[in-house]
């Protein structure tokens, strides 16, 4: 399973499990400083709970997603060892402490609002001992007519998504998690993004994509029964409280978008660029009036407007919980810009796929956007202090 040569400390930690590694974390944290503790209010999210915490949290200011493919030698037992090791790492990192064997412990700092989300791709459930545990509808998405998918940004057996207020904390956490995964899996793609979910007054706002649109207005409100029904899966048993994640890398043609008048841009979206309000309303969260017509009898929100086609009332009540990260990719003097689109839902096939097909067929924004990456992951539920990630699947 692992090379017969002498194992590294990291490999030994992977076999030792979370308990021993947790003790090592505590010892390292004490050894780093002799300063007395200071009473500072923590902004960090607890790594423990019924659900992985970043799902319902606001989009982070800085984030990196890494997909990895399992080595052929990584069986169910080895995957369990990796999840125990990662669980220990996640607890340390989110609490601002170095991971066991951390080569740059000074970069582990508190109050970065750091979160780590872990997911399993469809191929994980083709491994011996795991085939009976695949969540409903967890399959790679079919290639849509407007897709131009690249292997560079698609697929993957495992996902780690790290977010924080501080970009250095993100880079450091990713390095540690990828290094500790080396005996079990290797990276196949990385995507970095950013988001501004804070208004000028310091209060939370929905945030904007690089087209200037307020992006994510129609989401179900976190903590409501509607949100719970949309996001959290009710089976299989090990997966209760988990969710599924679709990652779509969408390239945006900002140059041709900028050629449009503001009115043309708003008709394509179906919302005002200034506030995110429907073009039939005045405030961001006003309901869309899909029947409204102008003086010439034209629909105010056109038939192919993104807001109309994606609205739950035109999709048999189907909802998703969408989040986004803006990205730029520079190659010499050339820059690619776009959106890392993240969709959480209880059932990919039942909720997301019909919506995707509808948008692919008619969305006005297809003229200025191209999906170049696609991946699907099962996001296991959270864990308690006496447990570890996906224990009910892998123990």
Protein backbone atom coordinates (compact mmCIF):
# COMPACT_ATOMS: atom_id res chain seq x y z
CA UNK A 1 0.00 0.00 0.00
CA UNK A 2 2.83 2.40 0.96
CA UNK A 3 6.46 2.08 -0.03
CA UNK A 4 8.42 -0.50 1.93
CA UNK A 5 11.17 2.05 2.52
CA UNK A 6 11.43 3.65 5.92
CA UNK A 7 8.27 5.70 6.52
CA UNK A 8 8.44 9.43 7.12
CA UNK A 9 7.07 11.07 10.23
CA UNK A 10 4.07 12.16 8.19
CA UNK A 11 3.33 8.58 7.14
CA UNK A 12 3.67 7.39 10.71
CA UNK A 13 1.20 10.04 11.81
CA UNK A 14 -1.23 8.85 9.15
CA UNK A 15 -1.14 5.35 10.65
CA UNK A 16 -1.19 6.50 14.21
CA UNK A 17 -4.62 8.10 13.95
CA UNK A 18 -6.14 11.23 15.33
CA UNK A 19 -5.58 10.60 19.02
CA UNK A 20 -1.78 10.51 18.94
CA UNK A 21 -1.60 13.29 16.40
CA UNK A 22 -3.87 15.44 18.51
CA UNK A 23 -1.50 15.06 21.45
CA UNK A 24 1.39 16.10 19.23
CA UNK A 25 -0.53 19.21 18.18
CA UNK A 26 -1.08 20.24 21.78
CA UNK A 27 2.58 19.79 22.63
CA UNK A 28 3.72 21.79 19.60
CA UNK A 29 1.37 24.63 20.43
CA UNK A 30 2.79 24.92 23.96
CA UNK A 31 6.40 24.78 22.78
CA UNK A 32 6.01 27.64 20.32
CA UNK A 33 5.65 30.46 22.82
CA UNK A 34 6.23 31.26 26.46
CA UNK A 35 4.06 34.38 26.31
CA UNK A 36 1.02 34.46 28.59
CA UNK A 37 -2.30 33.95 26.81
CA UNK A 38 -4.13 37.11 25.78
CA UNK A 39 -7.87 37.57 26.01
CA UNK A 40 -8.79 38.05 22.35
CA UNK A 41 -12.28 37.38 21.03
CA UNK A 42 -11.98 34.64 18.44
CA UNK A 43 -13.64 35.02 15.05
CA UNK A 44 -12.79 31.46 14.07
CA UNK A 45 -15.49 28.89 13.31
CA UNK A 46 -15.50 25.67 15.28
CA UNK A 47 -14.39 22.69 13.18
CA UNK A 48 -16.96 20.52 14.96
CA UNK A 49 -20.69 20.17 14.36
CA UNK A 50 -23.41 18.33 12.48
CA UNK A 51 -22.20 19.80 9.18
CA UNK A 52 -18.88 20.93 7.77
CA UNK A 53 -18.94 24.59 8.84
CA UNK A 54 -17.94 26.45 5.67
CA UNK A 55 -21.03 25.33 3.75
CA UNK A 56 -23.45 27.65 5.51
CA UNK A 57 -20.82 30.33 6.23
CA UNK A 58 -20.34 33.36 3.96
CA UNK A 59 -17.96 32.95 1.04
CA UNK A 60 -14.38 33.55 2.23
CA UNK A 61 -12.28 36.49 1.14
CA UNK A 62 -9.60 34.11 -0.14
CA UNK A 63 -9.95 30.46 -1.09
CA UNK A 64 -8.21 27.60 -2.81
CA UNK A 65 -9.76 24.38 -4.06
CA UNK A 66 -7.55 21.34 -4.67
CA UNK A 67 -8.72 18.11 -6.27
CA UNK A 68 -6.69 14.94 -5.72
CA UNK A 69 -6.81 11.46 -7.21
CA UNK A 70 -6.32 8.48 -4.94
CA UNK A 71 -3.27 6.31 -5.49
CA UNK A 72 -4.07 2.78 -6.63
CA UNK A 73 -2.80 1.49 -3.28
CA UNK A 74 -5.25 3.60 -1.26
CA UNK A 75 -8.00 1.23 -0.18
CA UNK A 76 -10.86 1.89 2.21
CA UNK A 77 -8.68 1.43 5.30
CA UNK A 78 -6.00 3.78 3.96
CA UNK A 79 -8.63 6.39 3.09
CA UNK A 80 -9.80 6.16 6.69
CA UNK A 81 -6.25 6.85 7.89
CA UNK A 82 -6.08 9.91 5.67
CA UNK A 83 -9.40 11.23 7.01
CA UNK A 84 -8.21 10.80 10.60
CA UNK A 85 -5.00 12.66 9.76
CA UNK A 86 -6.85 15.42 7.92
CA UNK A 87 -9.34 15.76 10.79
CA UNK A 88 -6.45 16.39 13.16
CA UNK A 89 -4.96 18.89 10.72
CA UNK A 90 -8.27 20.69 10.26
CA UNK A 91 -8.84 21.11 13.98
CA UNK A 92 -5.34 22.53 14.46
CA UNK A 93 -5.49 24.85 11.46
CA UNK A 94 -8.91 26.27 12.21
CA UNK A 95 -7.86 26.92 15.80
CA UNK A 96 -4.71 28.72 14.65
CA UNK A 97 -2.26 26.02 15.74
CA UNK A 98 0.43 24.23 13.67
CA UNK A 99 -0.27 20.75 12.39
CA UNK A 100 1.90 17.81 13.50
CA UNK A 101 5.21 18.07 11.67
CA UNK A 102 4.44 21.58 10.43
CA UNK A 103 7.55 23.00 8.74
CA UNK A 104 6.32 26.60 9.07
CA UNK A 105 4.47 26.70 12.40
CA UNK A 106 4.63 30.49 12.58
CA UNK A 107 2.13 30.66 9.69
CA UNK A 108 -0.59 28.96 11.74
CA UNK A 109 -2.39 31.94 13.27
CA UNK A 110 -5.76 32.41 14.99
CA UNK A 111 -8.54 34.78 13.93
CA UNK A 112 -8.07 34.11 10.22
CA UNK A 113 -11.61 32.64 10.00
CA UNK A 114 -10.06 29.63 8.30
CA UNK A 115 -12.27 26.75 7.21
CA UNK A 116 -11.58 23.48 5.43
CA UNK A 117 -14.21 21.51 3.50
CA UNK A 118 -13.52 17.96 2.31
CA UNK A 119 -15.40 16.01 -0.36
CA UNK A 120 -15.37 12.63 -2.15
CA UNK A 121 -15.74 12.32 -5.92
CA UNK A 122 -17.89 9.64 -7.60
CA UNK A 123 -14.95 7.31 -8.29
CA UNK A 124 -14.29 6.88 -4.57
CA UNK A 125 -17.46 4.82 -4.47
CA UNK A 126 -16.15 2.38 -7.07
CA UNK A 127 -13.46 1.18 -4.63
CA UNK A 128 -13.94 -2.19 -2.91
CA UNK A 129 -16.05 -1.91 0.22
CA UNK A 130 -17.52 1.49 -0.77
CA UNK A 131 -19.79 0.70 -3.72
CA UNK A 132 -22.91 0.31 -1.58
CA UNK A 133 -22.49 3.72 0.07
CA UNK A 134 -22.67 6.08 -2.90
CA UNK A 135 -25.06 9.03 -2.32
CA UNK A 136 -28.04 9.29 -4.63
CA UNK A 137 -27.35 11.15 -7.87
CA UNK A 138 -23.59 11.47 -7.32
CA UNK A 139 -22.26 11.13 -10.86
CA UNK A 140 -20.11 13.25 -13.12
CA UNK A 141 -22.29 15.76 -14.93
CA UNK A 142 -22.96 15.20 -18.63
CA UNK A 143 -21.17 17.61 -20.95
CA UNK A 144 -23.51 20.44 -21.86
CA UNK A 145 -23.77 21.96 -25.34
CA UNK A 146 -22.00 25.16 -24.31
CA UNK A 147 -19.32 23.44 -22.21
CA UNK A 148 -15.70 23.40 -23.32
CA UNK A 149 -14.37 21.29 -20.49
CA UNK A 150 -10.65 20.92 -19.88
CA UNK A 151 -9.11 18.05 -17.87
CA UNK A 152 -7.02 20.73 -16.16
CA UNK A 153 -10.08 21.82 -14.17
CA UNK A 154 -12.32 18.74 -14.09
CA UNK A 155 -12.98 15.63 -12.01
CA UNK A 156 -11.13 14.41 -8.95
CA UNK A 157 -11.49 11.74 -6.24
CA UNK A 158 -11.02 14.07 -3.27
CA UNK A 159 -11.57 17.78 -2.76
CA UNK A 160 -10.21 20.15 -0.16
CA UNK A 161 -11.54 23.69 -0.14
CA UNK A 162 -9.71 26.07 2.16
CA UNK A 163 -11.00 29.57 2.86
CA UNK A 164 -9.88 32.39 5.15
CA UNK A 165 -9.71 36.14 5.55
CA UNK A 166 -5.95 35.90 5.03
CA UNK A 167 -4.41 34.55 1.82
CA UNK A 168 -1.24 33.42 3.60
CA UNK A 169 -3.31 31.24 5.94
CA UNK A 170 -4.99 29.62 2.94
CA UNK A 171 -1.69 28.85 1.22
CA UNK A 172 -0.19 27.45 4.41
CA UNK A 173 -3.21 25.22 5.18
CA UNK A 174 -3.28 23.84 1.64
CA UNK A 175 0.42 23.02 1.79
CA UNK A 176 -0.01 21.09 5.01
CA UNK A 177 -3.09 19.16 3.86
CA UNK A 178 -1.60 18.26 0.48
CA UNK A 179 1.70 17.21 2.09
CA UNK A 180 -0.06 14.95 4.58
CA UNK A 181 -2.10 13.40 1.75
CA UNK A 182 1.00 12.47 -0.27
CA UNK A 183 1.09 8.78 0.80
CA UNK A 184 -2.55 8.43 -0.27
CA UNK A 185 -3.39 10.84 -3.12
CA UNK A 186 -1.85 13.32 -5.55
CA UNK A 187 -3.21 16.71 -6.69
CA UNK A 188 -4.73 16.93 -10.17
CA UNK A 189 -5.95 20.54 -10.21
CA UNK A 190 -5.92 23.68 -8.09
CA UNK A 191 -8.16 26.70 -8.34
CA UNK A 192 -7.82 29.92 -6.37
CA UNK A 193 -10.47 32.57 -5.95
CA UNK A 194 -11.60 35.57 -3.95
CA UNK A 195 -14.86 37.19 -2.87
CA UNK A 196 -15.97 40.39 -1.20
CA UNK A 197 -19.00 39.78 0.97
CA UNK A 198 -18.63 42.95 3.04
CA UNK A 199 -20.21 46.31 2.20
CA UNK A 200 -18.66 49.77 2.68
CA UNK A 201 -20.31 49.97 6.11
CA UNK A 202 -18.70 46.71 7.22
CA UNK A 203 -21.95 44.75 7.12
CA UNK A 204 -22.38 41.48 5.17
CA UNK A 205 -23.59 41.77 1.58
CA UNK A 206 -24.27 39.23 -1.16
CA UNK A 207 -21.15 40.07 -3.16
CA UNK A 208 -20.52 40.63 -6.86
CA UNK A 209 -19.00 38.65 -9.70
CA UNK A 210 -16.67 40.20 -12.28
CA UNK A 211 -19.59 41.17 -14.56
CA UNK A 212 -20.56 43.50 -11.74
CA UNK A 213 -23.66 41.48 -10.86
CA UNK A 214 -24.85 40.92 -7.31
CA UNK A 215 -24.48 37.13 -7.31
CA UNK A 216 -26.43 34.76 -5.06
CA UNK A 217 -29.52 36.83 -4.17
CA UNK A 218 -32.04 34.05 -4.69
CA UNK A 219 -30.46 31.64 -2.19
CA UNK A 220 -32.57 30.11 0.57
CA UNK A 221 -31.76 31.79 3.87
CA UNK A 222 -29.31 29.87 6.08
CA UNK A 223 -30.98 28.32 9.11
CA UNK A 224 -34.46 28.13 7.60
CA UNK A 225 -36.40 24.91 6.86
CA UNK A 226 -36.11 25.83 3.17
CA UNK A 227 -32.33 25.91 3.42
CA UNK A 228 -32.21 22.60 5.28
CA UNK A 229 -34.46 20.90 2.72
CA UNK A 230 -32.36 22.29 -0.14
CA UNK A 231 -28.90 21.44 1.16
CA UNK A 232 -28.75 18.57 3.66
CA UNK A 233 -29.01 14.97 2.47
CA UNK A 234 -31.15 12.44 4.34
CA UNK A 235 -29.32 9.31 3.22
CA UNK A 236 -27.53 6.95 3.00
CA UNK A 237 -27.16 6.68 6.76
CA UNK A 238 -23.47 7.67 6.85
CA UNK A 239 -24.29 10.72 4.70
CA UNK A 240 -27.12 12.24 6.77
CA UNK A 241 -26.25 15.87 7.35
CA UNK A 242 -23.90 15.90 4.37
CA UNK A 243 -24.49 17.54 1.02
CA UNK A 244 -23.25 17.43 -2.55
CA UNK A 245 -21.13 20.06 -4.24
CA UNK A 246 -20.87 20.93 -7.92
CA UNK A 247 -17.80 22.95 -8.92
CA UNK A 248 -18.02 24.70 -12.30
CA UNK A 249 -15.19 26.91 -13.56
CA UNK A 250 -16.86 29.52 -15.79
CA UNK A 251 -14.71 31.69 -18.03
CA UNK A 252 -16.22 35.16 -18.52
CA UNK A 253 -15.60 37.31 -21.59
CA UNK A 254 -15.33 40.70 -19.90
CA UNK A 255 -14.31 42.52 -23.08
CA UNK A 256 -17.44 41.66 -25.07
CA UNK A 257 -19.62 42.11 -21.97
CA UNK A 258 -18.29 45.65 -21.64
CA UNK A 259 -19.47 46.38 -25.20
CA UNK A 260 -23.10 46.13 -24.07
CA UNK A 261 -25.10 49.05 -22.80
CA UNK A 262 -26.10 48.89 -19.14
CA UNK A 263 -29.71 48.26 -20.18
CA UNK A 264 -28.64 45.30 -22.34
CA UNK A 265 -26.63 43.83 -19.49
CA UNK A 266 -29.56 44.13 -17.11
CA UNK A 267 -31.98 42.51 -19.57
CA UNK A 268 -29.59 39.55 -19.98
CA UNK A 269 -29.42 39.08 -16.22
CA UNK A 270 -32.96 40.16 -15.30
CA UNK A 271 -31.64 42.26 -12.40
CA UNK A 272 -30.37 45.79 -11.90
CA UNK A 273 -26.61 46.07 -11.68
CA UNK A 274 -26.77 48.88 -9.14
CA UNK A 275 -28.60 46.99 -6.37
CA UNK A 276 -29.22 43.44 -7.57
CA UNK A 277 -32.96 44.13 -7.48
CA UNK A 278 -35.11 42.51 -10.17
CA UNK A 279 -35.67 44.87 -13.10
CA UNK A 280 -39.31 44.75 -11.99
CA UNK A 281 -38.47 45.85 -8.41
CA UNK A 282 -36.50 48.28 -6.28
CA UNK A 283 -34.69 46.23 -3.59
CA UNK A 284 -32.36 43.25 -3.91
CA UNK A 285 -34.69 40.74 -2.29
CA UNK A 286 -37.89 41.84 -4.03
CA UNK A 287 -39.69 38.96 -5.72
CA UNK A 288 -39.39 38.74 -9.49
CA UNK A 289 -42.55 39.73 -11.35
CA UNK A 290 -42.22 37.28 -14.21
CA UNK A 291 -45.48 38.42 -15.82
CA UNK A 292 -44.67 42.15 -15.98
CA UNK A 293 -44.69 43.75 -19.45
CA UNK A 294 -43.52 47.15 -20.69
CA UNK A 295 -45.53 49.70 -22.69
CA UNK A 296 -44.78 47.80 -25.90
CA UNK A 297 -46.06 44.52 -24.46
CA UNK A 298 -42.61 42.96 -24.06
CA UNK A 299 -41.74 40.95 -20.96
CA UNK A 300 -39.73 43.19 -18.65
CA UNK A 301 -37.73 40.12 -17.58
CA UNK A 302 -37.06 38.43 -20.95
CA UNK A 303 -37.73 34.75 -21.58
CA UNK A 304 -34.00 34.05 -21.73
CA UNK A 305 -32.94 36.23 -18.78
CA UNK A 306 -30.76 34.37 -16.32
CA UNK A 307 -32.90 35.36 -13.34
CA UNK A 308 -36.06 33.95 -14.97
CA UNK A 309 -34.55 30.66 -16.12
CA UNK A 310 -32.86 29.97 -12.77
CA UNK A 311 -35.82 30.97 -10.57
CA UNK A 312 -37.34 28.12 -8.56
CA UNK A 313 -40.84 28.96 -9.78
CA UNK A 314 -39.81 28.10 -13.35
CA UNK A 315 -38.01 24.93 -12.27
CA UNK A 316 -40.79 22.97 -10.55
CA UNK A 317 -39.71 24.41 -7.19
CA UNK A 318 -36.14 23.10 -7.45
CA UNK A 319 -33.60 25.09 -5.47
CA UNK A 320 -29.85 25.07 -4.95
CA UNK A 321 -27.59 26.98 -2.56
CA UNK A 322 -25.08 28.75 -4.76
CA UNK A 323 -21.85 30.43 -3.80
CA UNK A 324 -19.08 31.87 -5.89
CA UNK A 325 -15.44 32.84 -6.05
CA UNK A 326 -14.04 35.25 -8.61
CA UNK A 327 -10.79 34.25 -10.26
CA UNK A 328 -8.15 35.62 -12.58
CA UNK A 329 -5.56 33.46 -14.32
CA UNK A 330 -2.56 35.23 -15.81
CA UNK A 331 -0.32 33.75 -18.51
CA UNK A 332 2.27 36.30 -19.48
CA UNK A 333 0.39 39.33 -20.80
CA UNK A 334 -2.84 37.34 -21.18
CA UNK A 335 -5.47 37.29 -18.46
CA UNK A 336 -8.44 34.93 -18.11
CA UNK A 337 -11.22 36.01 -15.75
CA UNK A 338 -14.21 34.15 -14.45
CA UNK A 339 -16.23 32.59 -11.67
CA UNK A 340 -15.71 29.41 -9.68
CA UNK A 341 -19.38 28.49 -9.31
CA UNK A 342 -20.19 26.35 -6.26
CA UNK A 343 -23.60 24.72 -5.91
CA UNK A 344 -24.67 22.83 -2.79
CA UNK A 345 -27.73 20.60 -2.85
CA UNK A 346 -29.01 17.39 -1.30
CA UNK A 347 -29.25 15.64 -4.70
CA UNK A 348 -27.23 16.63 -7.78
CA UNK A 349 -29.36 14.67 -10.25
CA UNK A 350 -32.68 15.77 -8.79
CA UNK A 351 -31.93 19.44 -8.13
CA UNK A 352 -28.93 20.76 -10.03
CA UNK A 353 -28.92 18.83 -13.30
CA UNK A 354 -32.42 19.89 -14.50
CA UNK A 355 -31.55 23.53 -13.74
CA UNK A 356 -28.23 23.23 -15.56
CA UNK A 357 -29.90 21.75 -18.65
CA UNK A 358 -32.43 24.59 -18.69
CA UNK A 359 -29.74 27.25 -18.48
CA UNK A 360 -27.58 25.56 -21.10
CA UNK A 361 -30.46 25.52 -23.54
CA UNK A 362 -31.49 29.17 -23.37
CA UNK A 363 -29.61 31.39 -20.87
CA UNK A 364 -28.76 34.79 -22.36
CA UNK A 365 -25.48 34.76 -20.41
CA UNK A 366 -24.23 31.83 -22.51
CA UNK A 367 -23.04 34.40 -25.05
CA UNK A 368 -20.47 35.77 -22.60
CA UNK A 369 -19.65 32.71 -20.49
CA UNK A 370 -18.04 29.32 -21.14
CA UNK A 371 -17.75 26.51 -18.60
CA UNK A 372 -14.23 25.05 -18.81
CA UNK A 373 -14.20 22.91 -15.66
CA UNK A 374 -16.67 20.62 -13.92
CA UNK A 375 -16.51 18.35 -10.87
CA UNK A 376 -18.93 16.76 -8.40
CA UNK A 377 -18.29 15.78 -4.78
CA UNK A 378 -20.12 14.29 -1.82
CA UNK A 379 -19.43 16.48 1.22
CA UNK A 380 -19.63 14.27 4.35
CA UNK A 381 -21.36 15.55 7.48
CA UNK A 382 -19.37 17.16 10.26
CA UNK A 383 -17.92 15.38 13.27
CA UNK A 384 -17.73 15.71 17.06
CA UNK A 385 -14.66 16.06 19.25
CA UNK A 386 -14.53 12.31 19.85
CA UNK A 387 -14.84 11.50 16.14
CA UNK A 388 -13.29 12.23 12.76
CA UNK A 389 -14.34 13.04 9.22
CA UNK A 390 -16.45 10.35 7.47
CA UNK A 391 -15.93 7.86 10.30
CA UNK A 392 -19.35 6.29 9.71
CA UNK A 393 -18.28 5.50 6.14
CA UNK A 394 -14.68 4.45 6.69
CA UNK A 395 -14.36 3.04 10.23
